[in-house]
Protein backbone atom coordinates (compact mmCIF):
# COMPACT_ATOMS: atom_id res chain seq x y z
CA MET A 1 0.00 0.00 0.00
CA THR A 2 1.23 3.49 -0.87
CA PRO A 3 1.38 5.87 2.05
CA GLN A 4 -0.92 8.88 1.68
CA ARG A 5 -0.11 12.38 2.87
CA THR A 6 -2.24 13.62 5.73
CA ASP A 7 -1.13 17.27 5.73
CA GLY A 8 -3.39 18.29 2.82
CA ALA A 9 -0.55 18.51 0.29
CA PRO A 10 -1.03 16.62 -2.97
CA SER A 11 0.62 13.24 -3.29
CA ALA A 12 3.64 12.99 -5.58
CA ASP A 13 2.50 9.58 -6.91
CA ALA A 14 0.98 10.98 -10.12
CA ALA A 15 4.06 13.16 -10.71
CA ASN A 16 6.38 10.17 -10.20
CA ALA A 17 4.30 8.09 -12.63
CA TYR A 18 4.52 10.94 -15.13
CA LEU A 19 8.29 11.07 -14.69
CA GLU A 20 8.58 7.34 -15.40
CA ALA A 21 6.43 7.70 -18.55
CA LEU A 22 8.61 10.66 -19.62
CA ARG A 23 11.73 8.53 -19.16
CA GLU A 24 10.20 5.90 -21.46
CA ARG A 25 9.26 8.50 -24.11
CA LEU A 26 12.80 9.89 -24.06
CA ALA A 27 14.32 6.43 -24.50
CA THR A 28 11.87 5.56 -27.29
CA ASP A 29 12.90 8.72 -29.17
CA GLY A 30 16.55 7.67 -29.04
CA CYS A 31 17.72 9.90 -26.19
CA GLY A 32 20.45 8.79 -23.86
CA VAL A 33 18.74 8.56 -20.48
CA THR A 34 20.50 8.97 -17.14
CA ALA A 35 19.57 10.27 -13.71
CA THR A 36 20.90 12.44 -10.92
CA THR A 37 19.43 14.25 -7.91
CA TRP A 38 18.43 17.81 -7.12
CA ARG A 39 17.41 18.73 -3.54
CA ASP A 40 16.80 15.04 -2.73
CA TYR A 41 14.52 14.61 -5.78
CA ARG A 42 15.36 12.17 -8.55
CA VAL A 43 16.02 13.93 -11.85
CA VAL A 44 15.57 12.11 -15.15
CA ILE A 45 17.97 13.37 -17.81
CA GLY A 46 17.45 12.75 -21.50
CA SER A 47 19.87 14.00 -24.15
CA ARG A 48 20.30 13.85 -27.89
CA SER A 49 22.09 15.79 -30.60
CA ASN A 50 21.16 16.55 -34.17
CA ARG A 51 22.86 18.27 -37.09
CA ARG A 52 20.81 19.31 -40.10
CA VAL A 53 21.52 21.00 -43.42
CA ARG A 54 18.74 23.55 -42.84
CA TRP A 55 20.59 24.61 -39.68
CA PHE A 56 23.66 25.24 -41.83
CA GLY A 57 25.44 22.27 -40.29
CA THR A 58 25.06 23.53 -36.73
CA LYS A 59 24.82 20.82 -34.10
CA VAL A 60 22.05 21.24 -31.56
CA GLU A 61 22.13 19.32 -28.31
CA LEU A 62 18.79 18.89 -26.55
CA PHE A 63 18.69 18.11 -22.84
CA VAL A 64 15.59 17.31 -20.83
CA LEU A 65 15.95 17.44 -17.04
CA ALA A 66 12.79 16.59 -15.12
CA ALA A 67 11.98 16.08 -11.45
CA ALA A 68 8.77 15.24 -9.60
CA THR A 69 7.89 17.39 -6.59
CA PRO A 70 4.65 17.55 -4.59
CA GLU A 71 4.17 21.24 -5.44
CA VAL A 72 5.73 23.63 -7.96
CA ASP A 73 6.04 27.37 -7.32
CA ASP A 74 7.92 30.10 -9.16
CA ALA A 75 10.84 30.04 -6.70
CA SER A 76 11.40 26.28 -7.11
CA MET A 77 10.99 26.63 -10.89
CA ALA A 78 13.60 29.40 -11.03
CA GLU A 79 15.98 27.46 -8.79
CA PHE A 80 15.59 24.23 -10.77
CA THR A 81 16.01 26.03 -14.11
CA GLY A 82 19.21 27.72 -12.92
CA TRP A 83 20.53 24.43 -11.56
CA ALA A 84 19.63 22.58 -14.79
CA MET A 85 21.34 25.15 -17.00
CA ASP A 86 24.50 25.09 -14.88
CA TYR A 87 24.43 21.27 -14.81
CA VAL A 88 24.14 21.02 -18.59
CA LYS A 89 26.83 23.67 -19.08
CA SER A 90 29.20 21.37 -17.19
CA LEU A 91 28.20 18.37 -19.35
CA ARG A 92 28.05 19.76 -22.83
CA SER A 93 30.25 18.50 -25.57
CA GLY A 94 31.75 20.41 -28.46
CA LEU A 95 32.85 23.99 -28.68
CA PRO A 96 30.34 26.65 -27.73
CA GLY A 97 29.56 29.20 -30.38
CA ALA A 98 28.14 29.55 -33.84
CA ARG A 99 28.42 25.86 -34.82
CA ASN A 100 26.97 24.37 -31.62
CA ALA A 101 23.88 25.21 -29.60
CA THR A 102 22.35 23.63 -26.53
CA MET A 103 18.63 23.62 -25.79
CA ILE A 104 17.45 22.68 -22.31
CA LEU A 105 13.97 21.71 -21.18
CA PRO A 106 14.07 21.89 -17.35
CA ALA A 107 10.76 20.49 -16.10
CA LEU A 108 9.16 20.21 -12.69
CA ALA A 109 6.14 17.96 -12.41
CA GLY A 110 3.85 18.09 -9.41
CA GLY A 111 0.33 17.46 -8.21
CA SER A 112 -0.06 21.20 -7.72
CA VAL A 113 1.50 23.93 -9.84
CA GLN A 114 1.03 27.49 -8.66
CA PRO A 115 -0.23 29.96 -11.31
CA SER A 116 2.86 32.10 -10.70
CA ALA A 117 5.07 29.12 -11.69
CA ARG A 118 3.07 28.55 -14.89
CA ASN A 119 3.35 32.27 -15.71
CA TRP A 120 7.10 32.24 -15.00
CA ALA A 121 7.66 29.25 -17.31
CA ALA A 122 5.49 30.66 -20.13
CA LYS A 123 7.01 34.15 -19.98
CA ASP A 124 10.22 33.64 -21.96
CA ALA A 125 13.18 31.39 -22.65
CA ARG A 126 16.23 31.73 -20.40
CA ILE A 127 19.58 32.26 -22.12
CA LEU A 128 23.00 31.55 -20.63
CA GLY A 129 25.74 32.96 -22.81
CA THR A 130 24.90 32.80 -26.51
CA SER A 131 24.48 29.08 -27.02
CA LEU A 132 22.65 27.71 -23.93
CA ILE A 133 18.88 28.25 -24.14
CA GLY A 134 16.43 26.95 -21.54
CA ARG A 135 12.68 26.64 -21.95
CA PRO A 136 11.32 25.86 -18.47
CA VAL A 137 8.36 23.48 -18.33
CA THR A 138 5.77 23.01 -15.60
CA VAL A 139 3.71 19.83 -15.57
CA GLU A 140 0.65 19.68 -13.33
CA THR A 141 -0.35 16.06 -12.65
CA PRO A 142 -3.45 16.15 -10.44
CA ALA A 143 -5.04 12.78 -9.77
CA SER A 144 -8.49 13.98 -10.79
CA ARG A 145 -7.75 15.96 -14.00
CA ALA A 146 -5.74 15.76 -17.19
CA THR A 147 -2.08 16.73 -17.19
CA ARG A 148 -1.41 20.44 -17.86
CA VAL A 149 1.90 21.40 -19.49
CA THR A 150 3.10 25.02 -19.62
CA MET A 151 6.20 26.37 -21.38
CA TYR A 152 7.36 29.28 -23.54
CA ARG A 153 6.48 28.49 -27.15
CA GLY A 154 7.75 31.66 -28.85
CA LYS A 155 10.94 32.37 -30.74
CA VAL A 156 14.23 33.44 -29.21
CA VAL A 157 16.90 35.78 -30.56
CA TYR A 158 19.70 33.24 -30.20
CA GLY A 159 18.84 29.75 -31.44
CA GLY A 160 15.64 30.81 -33.18
CA MET A 161 16.23 28.45 -36.09
CA PHE A 162 15.87 25.52 -33.64
CA THR A 163 12.49 26.62 -32.26
CA ARG A 164 10.40 24.24 -34.36
CA HIS A 165 12.66 21.28 -33.54
CA VAL A 166 12.60 22.00 -29.79
CA LEU A 167 8.81 22.50 -29.71
CA GLU A 168 8.24 19.29 -31.67
CA LYS A 169 10.39 17.35 -29.21
CA ALA A 170 8.71 19.05 -26.23
CA SER A 171 5.26 18.04 -27.50
CA LEU A 172 6.49 14.48 -28.00
CA TYR A 173 7.97 14.24 -24.50
CA PHE A 174 5.56 16.33 -22.41
CA ARG A 175 1.97 15.14 -22.84
């Protein structure tokens, strides 16, 4: 039997189930899948790289970092996004610059997502340097309703030619 919370906070069971399904979707799409921890939460990491002629031979690396928490607010979203971008910066391969770009989808899934966290994620992409672009994602996984995914879906100044690719992958992974 799964222990239930008695303090009124939503259970993380649905968010953990979502995280496991996300891990499977990443693996099915050919991503390398690993894991680490952030603030005692398990983080699923998926990564892949692509190089296309229409990108003028530029290699784009896509990283998905996702954790399940009972509740998501704008402070935890900002902290996780900053941590994810720094983490990926330490992992990335290749030379930064015009021929390589890194896109990051830092996602927090929880039974309750505060409106301020959804607004923060949908507001804009976060850019670190000129070749590290993060699009934070909130995933609300309430037991009684459908999953609600929020992220910035607009273009960015740096890395704009990868927008369609990143949004296609995001819609494949986050459903």
